[in-house]
Amino acid sequence: MPQRSAMMVSLGVIAIFGAAAAVRATDFPDRPIRVIVSVPAGGGVDTVTRIVTDKMRPALGQPLIVENKAGVGGSIAAETVFNAEPDGYTLLASQPAPITTNKFLYKSLNYDPAQLVPVAIMSHIPNVVLVRKDFPAQTIQELIAYAKANPGKINYASQGIGTTSHATAELFQTITHTKLTHVPYKGTAPAINDLLVGNIDLMFNELATSIELHKSGRARILAVTVKDRLPSLPDIPTLEEVGVRGCISDTWHALTAPPKTPPEIVARLNAAANGAMHDPVLLERFKELSVSPGGGTPEEIGAFIKEETRRWGEVIREARIEPE
């Protein structure tokens, strides 16, 4: 075959495949989308995901089916999505750990967090210092004094190794020169349950699943871990106010897709998620939960995730947390 004819055939094949990909992206989605949540049902990630995906449905014209797959700090869910077809029909809904810090905390992962494709930030939630209702310390200053007098005797819960809750506690210990004992769980709900029955002393937990416990007296919030006091808790100080400088932490929840998911499909999903952030019902529900809506372009989200990975990676290294 003449060289020019061969080139034309090759270009024709490329054009056909390109056109087929464009058609697939245009038709997306034509069936339900699986959303794999990295924690058990009932936790903050699960609650936010169900609210957001319900409001994404009208824009996409297909249901988003939520499936919980907890374990290994969210890595089991992340691995499932990482190995899924990059067609937009399988998404990961997670806390930061599976897509940021897990690579610093586990000797081997069966996926590369950096290759997961950012789709949307669903929410931002302030974190708080939550203690059991009969914990002897009434303030952060008293907590620090008690911890120094009883090194290693205070136990704290997290949703798992490398979660924001875990990393925040390690940062707190570094700044305050205290020693607490870590008790990891497989999500927020089981950790909170043990705190409520008194098996756990404290938790650096997200506001959404803490505020009603505080208001009802079933647990107590000693401080918030963001820069400013919260309108929903005007009498609760920030850690900065009480002298714990630099312990800033919030929880965010993201949607990510398998590596090599086409940009056109990512854009479609991102637009549906951003649209959901303006839904009046979602905004009212988020307000009730003390949750702030997310948003942003895939590029902005990607840059944010990279910065969070760098920031918390430094915390983990300074705390000398050894990979498991």
C-alpha atoms as a PDB file:
ATOM      1  CA  MET A   1       0.000   0.000   0.000  1.00  0.00           C
ATOM      2  CA  PRO A   2       1.439   3.421  -0.893  1.00  0.00           C
ATOM      3  CA  GLN A   3       2.631   5.422   2.110  1.00  0.00           C
ATOM      4  CA  ARG A   4       0.072   8.189   1.535  1.00  0.00           C
ATOM      5  CA  SER A   5      -2.793   5.681   1.339  1.00  0.00           C
ATOM      6  CA  ALA A   6      -1.639   3.972   4.541  1.00  0.00           C
ATOM      7  CA  MET A   7      -1.526   7.351   6.291  1.00  0.00           C
ATOM      8  CA  MET A   8      -5.038   8.167   5.136  1.00  0.00           C
ATOM      9  CA  VAL A   9      -6.321   4.807   6.424  1.00  0.00           C
ATOM     10  CA  SER A  10      -4.661   5.426   9.808  1.00  0.00           C
ATOM     11  CA  LEU A  11      -6.150   8.895  10.047  1.00  0.00           C
ATOM     12  CA  GLY A  12      -9.518   7.469   9.128  1.00  0.00           C
ATOM     13  CA  VAL A  13      -9.321   4.869  11.892  1.00  0.00           C
ATOM     14  CA  ILE A  14      -8.340   7.556  14.418  1.00  0.00           C
ATOM     15  CA  ALA A  15     -11.231   9.718  13.283  1.00  0.00           C
ATOM     16  CA  ILE A  16     -13.686   6.824  13.655  1.00  0.00           C
ATOM     17  CA  PHE A  17     -12.530   6.045  17.180  1.00  0.00           C
ATOM     18  CA  GLY A  18     -12.568   9.743  18.043  1.00  0.00           C
ATOM     19  CA  ALA A  19     -16.099  10.094  16.760  1.00  0.00           C
ATOM     20  CA  ALA A  20     -17.180   7.011  18.716  1.00  0.00           C
ATOM     21  CA  ALA A  21     -15.714   8.466  21.904  1.00  0.00           C
ATOM     22  CA  ALA A  22     -17.493  11.760  21.272  1.00  0.00           C
ATOM     23  CA  VAL A  23     -20.794   9.933  20.800  1.00  0.00           C
ATOM     24  CA  ARG A  24     -20.274   8.039  24.048  1.00  0.00           C
ATOM     25  CA  ALA A  25     -19.567  11.264  25.912  1.00  0.00           C
ATOM     26  CA  THR A  26     -22.601  12.954  24.336  1.00  0.00           C
ATOM     27  CA  ASP A  27     -24.866  10.054  25.281  1.00  0.00           C
ATOM     28  CA  PHE A  28     -23.519   9.865  28.836  1.00  0.00           C
ATOM     29  CA  PRO A  29     -25.171   8.757  31.022  1.00  0.00           C
ATOM     30  CA  ASP A  30     -27.592   6.213  29.583  1.00  0.00           C
ATOM     31  CA  ARG A  31     -27.768   3.989  32.666  1.00  0.00           C
ATOM     32  CA  PRO A  32     -27.478   4.353  36.470  1.00  0.00           C
ATOM     33  CA  ILE A  33     -24.170   5.488  38.004  1.00  0.00           C
ATOM     34  CA  ARG A  34     -22.606   3.615  40.941  1.00  0.00           C
ATOM     35  CA  VAL A  35     -21.200   5.813  43.703  1.00  0.00           C
ATOM     36  CA  ILE A  36     -18.908   3.851  46.022  1.00  0.00           C
ATOM     37  CA  VAL A  37     -18.789   5.496  49.470  1.00  0.00           C
ATOM     38  CA  SER A  38     -15.606   4.884  51.467  1.00  0.00           C
ATOM     39  CA  VAL A  39     -17.311   4.673  54.889  1.00  0.00           C
ATOM     40  CA  PRO A  40     -20.251   2.763  56.414  1.00  0.00           C
ATOM     41  CA  ALA A  41     -23.775   4.088  56.145  1.00  0.00           C
ATOM     42  CA  GLY A  42     -24.626   6.853  58.605  1.00  0.00           C
ATOM     43  CA  GLY A  43     -21.352   8.771  58.597  1.00  0.00           C
ATOM     44  CA  GLY A  44     -20.728  12.267  57.283  1.00  0.00           C
ATOM     45  CA  VAL A  45     -19.456  11.167  53.867  1.00  0.00           C
ATOM     46  CA  ASP A  46     -22.448   8.881  53.417  1.00  0.00           C
ATOM     47  CA  THR A  47     -24.962  11.539  54.452  1.00  0.00           C
ATOM     48  CA  VAL A  48     -23.496  14.241  52.211  1.00  0.00           C
ATOM     49  CA  THR A  49     -23.156  11.861  49.256  1.00  0.00           C
ATOM     50  CA  ARG A  50     -26.800  10.855  49.390  1.00  0.00           C
ATOM     51  CA  ILE A  51     -27.933  14.480  49.521  1.00  0.00           C
ATOM     52  CA  VAL A  52     -25.688  15.605  46.652  1.00  0.00           C
ATOM     53  CA  THR A  53     -26.245  12.638  44.337  1.00  0.00           C
ATOM     54  CA  ASP A  54     -30.010  12.953  44.738  1.00  0.00           C
ATOM     55  CA  LYS A  55     -29.769  16.537  43.463  1.00  0.00           C
ATOM     56  CA  MET A  56     -27.439  15.529  40.600  1.00  0.00           C
ATOM     57  CA  ARG A  57     -30.019  13.153  39.201  1.00  0.00           C
ATOM     58  CA  PRO A  58     -32.234  15.710  37.387  1.00  0.00           C
ATOM     59  CA  ALA A  59     -29.264  17.110  35.442  1.00  0.00           C
ATOM     60  CA  LEU A  60     -27.969  13.667  34.480  1.00  0.00           C
ATOM     61  CA  GLY A  61     -31.304  11.982  33.862  1.00  0.00           C
ATOM     62  CA  GLN A  62     -30.159   8.822  35.631  1.00  0.00           C
ATOM     63  CA  PRO A  63     -30.134   7.665  39.263  1.00  0.00           C
ATOM     64  CA  LEU A  64     -26.883   7.584  41.209  1.00  0.00           C
ATOM     65  CA  ILE A  65     -26.836   4.391  43.267  1.00  0.00           C
ATOM     66  CA  VAL A  66     -24.935   4.727  46.547  1.00  0.00           C
ATOM     67  CA  GLU A  67     -22.981   1.679  47.719  1.00  0.00           C
ATOM     68  CA  ASN A  68     -20.977   1.616  50.968  1.00  0.00           C
ATOM     69  CA  LYS A  69     -17.609  -0.156  50.919  1.00  0.00           C
ATOM     70  CA  ALA A  70     -15.664   0.688  54.078  1.00  0.00           C
ATOM     71  CA  GLY A  71     -12.238  -0.426  55.249  1.00  0.00           C
ATOM     72  CA  VAL A  72      -8.512   0.381  55.343  1.00  0.00           C
ATOM     73  CA  GLY A  73      -9.074   4.127  55.698  1.00  0.00           C
ATOM     74  CA  GLY A  74     -11.212   4.219  52.560  1.00  0.00           C
ATOM     75  CA  SER A  75      -8.676   2.337  50.440  1.00  0.00           C
ATOM     76  CA  ILE A  76     -10.989  -0.589  49.657  1.00  0.00           C
ATOM     77  CA  ALA A  77     -13.511   1.742  48.033  1.00  0.00           C
ATOM     78  CA  ALA A  78     -10.758   3.700  46.279  1.00  0.00           C
ATOM     79  CA  GLU A  79      -9.218   0.519  44.860  1.00  0.00           C
ATOM     80  CA  THR A  80     -12.614  -0.600  43.572  1.00  0.00           C
ATOM     81  CA  VAL A  81     -13.091   2.661  41.703  1.00  0.00           C
ATOM     82  CA  PHE A  82      -9.463   2.815  40.531  1.00  0.00           C
ATOM     83  CA  ASN A  83      -9.893  -0.534  38.771  1.00  0.00           C
ATOM     84  CA  ALA A  84     -13.314   0.260  37.309  1.00  0.00           C
ATOM     85  CA  GLU A  85     -13.879   1.119  33.660  1.00  0.00           C
ATOM     86  CA  PRO A  86     -13.120   4.829  33.052  1.00  0.00           C
ATOM     87  CA  ASP A  87     -16.564   5.470  31.610  1.00  0.00           C
ATOM     88  CA  GLY A  88     -18.098   7.655  34.314  1.00  0.00           C
ATOM     89  CA  TYR A  89     -20.400   4.931  35.612  1.00  0.00           C
ATOM     90  CA  THR A  90     -18.384   4.238  38.772  1.00  0.00           C
ATOM     91  CA  LEU A  91     -17.391   7.067  41.124  1.00  0.00           C
ATOM     92  CA  LEU A  92     -15.695   7.295  44.511  1.00  0.00           C
ATOM     93  CA  ALA A  93     -17.254   9.394  47.278  1.00  0.00           C
ATOM     94  CA  SER A  94     -14.747   9.851  50.078  1.00  0.00           C
ATOM     95  CA  GLN A  95     -13.226  11.794  52.906  1.00  0.00           C
ATOM     96  CA  PRO A  96      -9.726  13.129  52.135  1.00  0.00           C
ATOM     97  CA  ALA A  97      -7.683  10.100  53.293  1.00  0.00           C
ATOM     98  CA  PRO A  98      -8.113   7.694  50.346  1.00  0.00           C
ATOM     99  CA  ILE A  99      -7.163  10.380  47.825  1.00  0.00           C
ATOM    100  CA  THR A 100      -4.526  12.242  49.855  1.00  0.00           C
ATOM    101  CA  THR A 101      -2.787  10.770  52.901  1.00  0.00           C
ATOM    102  CA  ASN A 102      -3.206   7.006  52.618  1.00  0.00           C
ATOM    103  CA  LYS A 103      -0.076   6.770  50.486  1.00  0.00           C
ATOM    104  CA  PHE A 104       1.919   8.022  53.487  1.00  0.00           C
ATOM    105  CA  LEU A 105       0.293   5.587  55.910  1.00  0.00           C
ATOM    106  CA  TYR A 106       0.241   2.224  54.163  1.00  0.00           C
ATOM    107  CA  LYS A 107       3.308   0.410  52.899  1.00  0.00           C
ATOM    108  CA  SER A 108       1.453  -0.754  49.840  1.00  0.00           C
ATOM    109  CA  LEU A 109      -1.733   0.406  48.155  1.00  0.00           C
ATOM    110  CA  ASN A 110      -3.332  -1.386  45.233  1.00  0.00           C
ATOM    111  CA  TYR A 111      -4.076   1.935  43.593  1.00  0.00           C
ATOM    112  CA  ASP A 112      -2.429   5.314  43.002  1.00  0.00           C
ATOM    113  CA  PRO A 113      -4.419   8.141  44.629  1.00  0.00           C
ATOM    114  CA  ALA A 114      -2.800  10.712  42.324  1.00  0.00           C
ATOM    115  CA  GLN A 115      -4.310   9.017  39.264  1.00  0.00           C
ATOM    116  CA  LEU A 116      -7.907   9.266  40.436  1.00  0.00           C
ATOM    117  CA  VAL A 117      -9.626  12.004  38.450  1.00  0.00           C
ATOM    118  CA  PRO A 118     -11.149  14.906  40.442  1.00  0.00           C
ATOM    119  CA  VAL A 119     -14.852  15.381  39.707  1.00  0.00           C
ATOM    120  CA  ALA A 120     -16.331  17.517  42.492  1.00  0.00           C
ATOM    121  CA  ILE A 121     -15.932  18.762  46.038  1.00  0.00           C
ATOM    122  CA  MET A 122     -19.309  18.077  47.617  1.00  0.00           C
ATOM    123  CA  SER A 123     -18.904  19.807  50.965  1.00  0.00           C
ATOM    124  CA  HIS A 124     -16.692  21.400  53.593  1.00  0.00           C
ATOM    125  CA  ILE A 125     -17.330  20.757  57.293  1.00  0.00           C
ATOM    126  CA  PRO A 126     -15.505  22.287  60.273  1.00  0.00           C
ATOM    127  CA  ASN A 127     -13.989  19.855  62.743  1.00  0.00           C
ATOM    128  CA  VAL A 128     -14.435  20.042  66.507  1.00  0.00           C
ATOM    129  CA  VAL A 129     -12.897  18.567  69.641  1.00  0.00           C
ATOM    130  CA  LEU A 130     -15.660  16.286  70.916  1.00  0.00           C
ATOM    131  CA  VAL A 131     -15.396  14.569  74.326  1.00  0.00           C
ATOM    132  CA  ARG A 132     -17.610  12.098  76.172  1.00  0.00           C
ATOM    133  CA  LYS A 133     -20.155  13.808  78.392  1.00  0.00           C
ATOM    134  CA  ASP A 134     -18.446  12.823  81.669  1.00  0.00           C
ATOM    135  CA  PHE A 135     -14.877  13.539  80.556  1.00  0.00           C
ATOM    136  CA  PRO A 136     -13.123  15.369  83.446  1.00  0.00           C
ATOM    137  CA  ALA A 137     -11.773  18.278  81.365  1.00  0.00           C
ATOM    138  CA  GLN A 138     -14.214  21.135  80.761  1.00  0.00           C
ATOM    139  CA  THR A 139     -11.924  23.236  78.539  1.00  0.00           C
ATOM    140  CA  ILE A 140      -9.057  22.713  76.103  1.00  0.00           C
ATOM    141  CA  GLN A 141      -6.606  24.039  78.678  1.00  0.00           C
ATOM    142  CA  GLU A 142      -7.851  21.459  81.176  1.00  0.00           C
ATOM    143  CA  LEU A 143      -7.670  18.752  78.490  1.00  0.00           C
ATOM    144  CA  ILE A 144      -4.027  19.576  77.773  1.00  0.00           C
ATOM    145  CA  ALA A 145      -3.164  19.648  81.491  1.00  0.00           C
ATOM    146  CA  TYR A 146      -4.936  16.316  82.058  1.00  0.00           C
ATOM    147  CA  ALA A 147      -3.165  14.759  79.050  1.00  0.00           C
ATOM    148  CA  LYS A 148       0.242  15.894  80.303  1.00  0.00           C
ATOM    149  CA  ALA A 149      -0.482  14.517  83.748  1.00  0.00           C
ATOM    150  CA  ASN A 150      -1.707  11.228  82.267  1.00  0.00           C
ATOM    151  CA  PRO A 151       0.381  10.542  79.132  1.00  0.00           C
ATOM    152  CA  GLY A 152      -1.121   7.856  76.920  1.00  0.00           C
ATOM    153  CA  LYS A 153      -4.146   7.323  79.156  1.00  0.00           C
ATOM    154  CA  ILE A 154      -6.561   9.445  77.075  1.00  0.00           C
ATOM    155  CA  ASN A 155      -7.814   7.534  74.060  1.00  0.00           C
ATOM    156  CA  TYR A 156      -9.190   9.129  70.935  1.00  0.00           C
ATOM    157  CA  ALA A 157     -11.202   7.700  68.080  1.00  0.00           C
ATOM    158  CA  SER A 158     -10.835   8.216  64.355  1.00  0.00           C
ATOM    159  CA  GLN A 159     -12.599   6.912  61.273  1.00  0.00           C
ATOM    160  CA  GLY A 160      -9.420   4.987  60.444  1.00  0.00           C
ATOM    161  CA  ILE A 161      -5.708   5.324  59.883  1.00  0.00           C
ATOM    162  CA  GLY A 162      -4.887   8.479  57.923  1.00  0.00           C
ATOM    163  CA  THR A 163      -8.320  10.060  58.095  1.00  0.00           C
ATOM    164  CA  THR A 164      -8.582  13.781  58.803  1.00  0.00           C
ATOM    165  CA  SER A 165      -9.621  12.928  62.359  1.00  0.00           C
ATOM    166  CA  HIS A 166      -6.453  10.901  62.895  1.00  0.00           C
ATOM    167  CA  ALA A 167      -4.141  13.454  61.257  1.00  0.00           C
ATOM    168  CA  THR A 168      -5.711  16.329  63.222  1.00  0.00           C
ATOM    169  CA  ALA A 169      -5.168  14.497  66.504  1.00  0.00           C
ATOM    170  CA  GLU A 170      -1.520  13.925  65.599  1.00  0.00           C
ATOM    171  CA  LEU A 171      -1.122  17.606  64.754  1.00  0.00           C
ATOM    172  CA  PHE A 172      -2.747  18.552  68.079  1.00  0.00           C
ATOM    173  CA  GLN A 173      -0.338  16.301  69.993  1.00  0.00           C
ATOM    174  CA  THR A 174       2.674  17.745  68.186  1.00  0.00           C
ATOM    175  CA  ILE A 175       1.645  21.322  68.962  1.00  0.00           C
ATOM    176  CA  THR A 176       0.626  20.695  72.597  1.00  0.00           C
ATOM    177  CA  HIS A 177       3.402  18.198  73.439  1.00  0.00           C
ATOM    178  CA  THR A 178       0.886  15.629  74.653  1.00  0.00           C
ATOM    179  CA  LYS A 179       0.521  11.889  74.116  1.00  0.00           C
ATOM    180  CA  LEU A 180      -2.878  10.351  73.349  1.00  0.00           C
ATOM    181  CA  THR A 181      -3.750   6.778  72.385  1.00  0.00           C
ATOM    182  CA  HIS A 182      -5.268   6.216  68.948  1.00  0.00           C
ATOM    183  CA  VAL A 183      -8.225   3.851  68.477  1.00  0.00           C
ATOM    184  CA  PRO A 184      -9.118   3.612  64.754  1.00  0.00           C
ATOM    185  CA  TYR A 185     -12.609   2.623  63.599  1.00  0.00           C
ATOM    186  CA  LYS A 186     -14.162   1.871  60.223  1.00  0.00           C
ATOM    187  CA  GLY A 187     -16.159   5.077  60.009  1.00  0.00           C
ATOM    188  CA  THR A 188     -17.788   7.842  62.031  1.00  0.00           C
ATOM    189  CA  ALA A 189     -20.855   5.979  63.287  1.00  0.00           C
ATOM    190  CA  PRO A 190     -19.069   3.171  65.194  1.00  0.00           C
ATOM    191  CA  ALA A 191     -16.545   5.645  66.626  1.00  0.00           C
ATOM    192  CA  ILE A 192     -19.287   7.966  67.879  1.00  0.00           C
ATOM    193  CA  ASN A 193     -21.215   5.040  69.362  1.00  0.00           C
ATOM    194  CA  ASP A 194     -18.226   4.069  71.490  1.00  0.00           C
ATOM    195  CA  LEU A 195     -17.695   7.673  72.586  1.00  0.00           C
ATOM    196  CA  LEU A 196     -21.327   7.924  73.664  1.00  0.00           C
ATOM    197  CA  VAL A 197     -21.111   4.806  75.844  1.00  0.00           C
ATOM    198  CA  GLY A 198     -17.844   5.993  77.375  1.00  0.00           C
ATOM    199  CA  ASN A 199     -15.384   3.585  75.748  1.00  0.00           C
ATOM    200  CA  ILE A 200     -13.642   6.505  74.005  1.00  0.00           C
ATOM    201  CA  ASP A 201     -12.592   9.783  75.624  1.00  0.00           C
ATOM    202  CA  LEU A 202     -12.527  12.148  72.669  1.00  0.00           C
ATOM    203  CA  MET A 203     -12.570  12.560  68.922  1.00  0.00           C
ATOM    204  CA  PHE A 204     -11.557  15.259  66.476  1.00  0.00           C
ATOM    205  CA  ASN A 205     -14.789  14.938  64.572  1.00  0.00           C
ATOM    206  CA  GLU A 206     -16.708  16.823  61.934  1.00  0.00           C
ATOM    207  CA  LEU A 207     -19.294  19.317  63.122  1.00  0.00           C
ATOM    208  CA  ALA A 208     -22.174  17.762  61.196  1.00  0.00           C
ATOM    209  CA  THR A 209     -22.214  14.597  63.305  1.00  0.00           C
ATOM    210  CA  SER A 210     -21.214  16.360  66.549  1.00  0.00           C
ATOM    211  CA  ILE A 211     -23.419  19.401  66.953  1.00  0.00           C
ATOM    212  CA  GLU A 212     -26.665  17.652  67.918  1.00  0.00           C
ATOM    213  CA  LEU A 213     -24.792  15.420  70.373  1.00  0.00           C
ATOM    214  CA  HIS A 214     -23.435  18.583  71.991  1.00  0.00           C
ATOM    215  CA  LYS A 215     -26.773  20.354  72.070  1.00  0.00           C
ATOM    216  CA  SER A 216     -28.510  17.323  73.588  1.00  0.00           C
ATOM    217  CA  GLY A 217     -25.817  16.869  76.250  1.00  0.00           C
ATOM    218  CA  ARG A 218     -24.854  13.375  75.063  1.00  0.00           C
ATOM    219  CA  ALA A 219     -21.304  14.636  74.366  1.00  0.00           C
ATOM    220  CA  ARG A 220     -19.471  17.961  74.649  1.00  0.00           C
ATOM    221  CA  ILE A 221     -17.633  20.143  72.134  1.00  0.00           C
ATOM    222  CA  LEU A 222     -14.648  21.892  73.725  1.00  0.00           C
ATOM    223  CA  ALA A 223     -13.386  23.808  70.684  1.00  0.00           C
ATOM    224  CA  VAL A 224     -13.613  24.145  66.912  1.00  0.00           C
ATOM    225  CA  THR A 225     -10.579  23.606  64.678  1.00  0.00           C
ATOM    226  CA  VAL A 226     -11.142  26.365  62.124  1.00  0.00           C
ATOM    227  CA  LYS A 227      -9.969  29.979  62.253  1.00  0.00           C
ATOM    228  CA  ASP A 228     -13.228  31.639  63.297  1.00  0.00           C
ATOM    229  CA  ARG A 229     -16.005  30.836  65.721  1.00  0.00           C
ATOM    230  CA  LEU A 230     -19.041  29.200  64.152  1.00  0.00           C
ATOM    231  CA  PRO A 231     -22.430  30.959  64.062  1.00  0.00           C
ATOM    232  CA  SER A 232     -24.061  27.698  65.122  1.00  0.00           C
ATOM    233  CA  LEU A 233     -21.782  27.494  68.217  1.00  0.00           C
ATOM    234  CA  PRO A 234     -21.053  31.102  69.171  1.00  0.00           C
ATOM    235  CA  ASP A 235     -19.952  30.238  72.715  1.00  0.00           C
ATOM    236  CA  ILE A 236     -17.406  27.608  71.679  1.00  0.00           C
ATOM    237  CA  PRO A 237     -13.845  28.956  71.203  1.00  0.00           C
ATOM    238  CA  THR A 238     -11.451  28.089  68.418  1.00  0.00           C
ATOM    239  CA  LEU A 239      -8.215  26.243  69.186  1.00  0.00           C
ATOM    240  CA  GLU A 240      -6.383  29.371  68.035  1.00  0.00           C
ATOM    241  CA  GLU A 241      -8.165  31.445  70.689  1.00  0.00           C
ATOM    242  CA  VAL A 242      -7.091  29.135  73.501  1.00  0.00           C
ATOM    243  CA  GLY A 243      -3.465  29.070  72.431  1.00  0.00           C
ATOM    244  CA  VAL A 244      -3.213  25.971  70.241  1.00  0.00           C
ATOM    245  CA  ARG A 245      -1.768  27.787  67.234  1.00  0.00           C
ATOM    246  CA  GLY A 246      -1.722  26.161  63.812  1.00  0.00           C
ATOM    247  CA  CYS A 247      -4.116  23.292  64.479  1.00  0.00           C
ATOM    248  CA  ILE A 248      -6.463  24.180  61.630  1.00  0.00           C
ATOM    249  CA  SER A 249      -8.573  21.392  60.200  1.00  0.00           C
ATOM    250  CA  ASP A 250     -11.792  20.846  58.352  1.00  0.00           C
ATOM    251  CA  THR A 251     -13.265  17.825  56.616  1.00  0.00           C
ATOM    252  CA  TRP A 252     -14.192  17.827  52.966  1.00  0.00           C
ATOM    253  CA  HIS A 253     -15.898  15.246  50.836  1.00  0.00           C
ATOM    254  CA  ALA A 254     -15.068  14.624  47.198  1.00  0.00           C
ATOM    255  CA  LEU A 255     -16.196  12.712  44.137  1.00  0.00           C
ATOM    256  CA  THR A 256     -13.430  11.203  42.026  1.00  0.00           C
ATOM    257  CA  ALA A 257     -13.404   8.936  38.974  1.00  0.00           C
ATOM    258  CA  PRO A 258     -11.170   6.149  37.648  1.00  0.00           C
ATOM    259  CA  PRO A 259      -7.927   7.097  35.866  1.00  0.00           C
ATOM    260  CA  LYS A 260      -8.304   8.119  32.213  1.00  0.00           C
ATOM    261  CA  THR A 261     -11.996   9.016  32.524  1.00  0.00           C
ATOM    262  CA  PRO A 262     -12.652  11.256  29.462  1.00  0.00           C
ATOM    263  CA  PRO A 263     -12.664  15.005  30.226  1.00  0.00           C
ATOM    264  CA  GLU A 264     -16.061  15.394  28.543  1.00  0.00           C
ATOM    265  CA  ILE A 265     -17.628  12.927  30.978  1.00  0.00           C
ATOM    266  CA  VAL A 266     -15.857  14.517  33.954  1.00  0.00           C
ATOM    267  CA  ALA A 267     -17.167  17.913  32.837  1.00  0.00           C
ATOM    268  CA  ARG A 268     -20.714  16.558  32.655  1.00  0.00           C
ATOM    269  CA  LEU A 269     -20.511  15.117  36.165  1.00  0.00           C
ATOM    270  CA  ASN A 270     -18.846  18.261  37.499  1.00  0.00           C
ATOM    271  CA  ALA A 271     -21.572  20.480  36.037  1.00  0.00           C
ATOM    272  CA  ALA A 272     -24.266  18.308  37.633  1.00  0.00           C
ATOM    273  CA  ALA A 273     -22.541  18.476  41.027  1.00  0.00           C
ATOM    274  CA  ASN A 274     -22.019  22.241  40.822  1.00  0.00           C
ATOM    275  CA  GLY A 275     -25.643  22.656  39.847  1.00  0.00           C
ATOM    276  CA  ALA A 276     -26.698  20.629  42.881  1.00  0.00           C
ATOM    277  CA  MET A 277     -24.826  23.095  45.117  1.00  0.00           C
ATOM    278  CA  HIS A 278     -27.420  25.760  44.242  1.00  0.00           C
ATOM    279  CA  ASP A 279     -30.479  23.609  44.932  1.00  0.00           C
ATOM    280  CA  PRO A 280     -32.588  25.263  47.682  1.00  0.00           C
ATOM    281  CA  VAL A 281     -33.456  21.935  49.313  1.00  0.00           C
ATOM    282  CA  LEU A 282     -29.789  20.894  49.429  1.00  0.00           C
ATOM    283  CA  LEU A 283     -28.742  24.260  50.848  1.00  0.00           C
ATOM    284  CA  GLU A 284     -31.375  24.057  53.576  1.00  0.00           C
ATOM    285  CA  ARG A 285     -30.359  20.498  54.455  1.00  0.00           C
ATOM    286  CA  PHE A 286     -26.683  21.473  54.526  1.00  0.00           C
ATOM    287  CA  LYS A 287     -27.524  24.393  56.803  1.00  0.00           C
ATOM    288  CA  GLU A 288     -29.290  22.038  59.204  1.00  0.00           C
ATOM    289  CA  LEU A 289     -26.162  19.858  59.250  1.00  0.00           C
ATOM    290  CA  SER A 290     -23.747  22.823  59.558  1.00  0.00           C
ATOM    291  CA  VAL A 291     -22.211  21.850  56.221  1.00  0.00           C
ATOM    292  CA  SER A 292     -20.938  24.281  53.561  1.00  0.00           C
ATOM    293  CA  PRO A 293     -21.455  23.431  49.879  1.00  0.00           C
ATOM    294  CA  GLY A 294     -18.455  22.637  47.716  1.00  0.00           C
ATOM    295  CA  GLY A 295     -17.969  23.363  44.024  1.00  0.00           C
ATOM    296  CA  GLY A 296     -15.238  24.365  41.618  1.00  0.00           C
ATOM    297  CA  THR A 297     -13.841  23.167  38.308  1.00  0.00           C
ATOM    298  CA  PRO A 298     -11.991  19.847  37.981  1.00  0.00           C
ATOM    299  CA  GLU A 299      -8.747  21.810  37.611  1.00  0.00           C
ATOM    300  CA  GLU A 300      -9.361  23.816  40.799  1.00  0.00           C
ATOM    301  CA  ILE A 301     -10.297  20.663  42.685  1.00  0.00           C
ATOM    302  CA  GLY A 302      -7.174  18.898  41.459  1.00  0.00           C
ATOM    303  CA  ALA A 303      -4.965  21.745  42.709  1.00  0.00           C
ATOM    304  CA  PHE A 304      -6.774  21.750  46.073  1.00  0.00           C
ATOM    305  CA  ILE A 305      -6.291  17.997  46.532  1.00  0.00           C
ATOM    306  CA  LYS A 306      -2.577  18.292  45.713  1.00  0.00           C
ATOM    307  CA  GLU A 307      -2.134  21.037  48.319  1.00  0.00           C
ATOM    308  CA  GLU A 308      -4.033  19.054  50.975  1.00  0.00           C
ATOM    309  CA  THR A 309      -1.860  16.021  50.202  1.00  0.00           C
ATOM    310  CA  ARG A 310       1.282  18.107  50.691  1.00  0.00           C
ATOM    311  CA  ARG A 311       0.042  19.776  53.898  1.00  0.00           C
ATOM    312  CA  TRP A 312      -1.115  16.630  55.686  1.00  0.00           C
ATOM    313  CA  GLY A 313       1.825  14.631  54.379  1.00  0.00           C
ATOM    314  CA  GLU A 314       4.085  17.024  56.293  1.00  0.00           C
ATOM    315  CA  VAL A 315       1.993  16.504  59.459  1.00  0.00           C
ATOM    316  CA  ILE A 316       2.327  12.737  59.138  1.00  0.00           C
ATOM    317  CA  ARG A 317       6.073  12.907  58.603  1.00  0.00           C
ATOM    318  CA  GLU A 318       6.601  15.303  61.536  1.00  0.00           C
ATOM    319  CA  ALA A 319       4.470  13.051  63.761  1.00  0.00           C
ATOM    320  CA  ARG A 320       6.667  10.126  62.646  1.00  0.00           C
ATOM    321  CA  ILE A 321       3.687   7.931  61.903  1.00  0.00           C
ATOM    322  CA  GLU A 322       5.096   4.714  60.464  1.00  0.00           C
ATOM    323  CA  PRO A 323       3.285   3.146  57.486  1.00  0.00           C
ATOM    324  CA  GLU A 324       1.402  -0.024  58.266  1.00  0.00           C
END
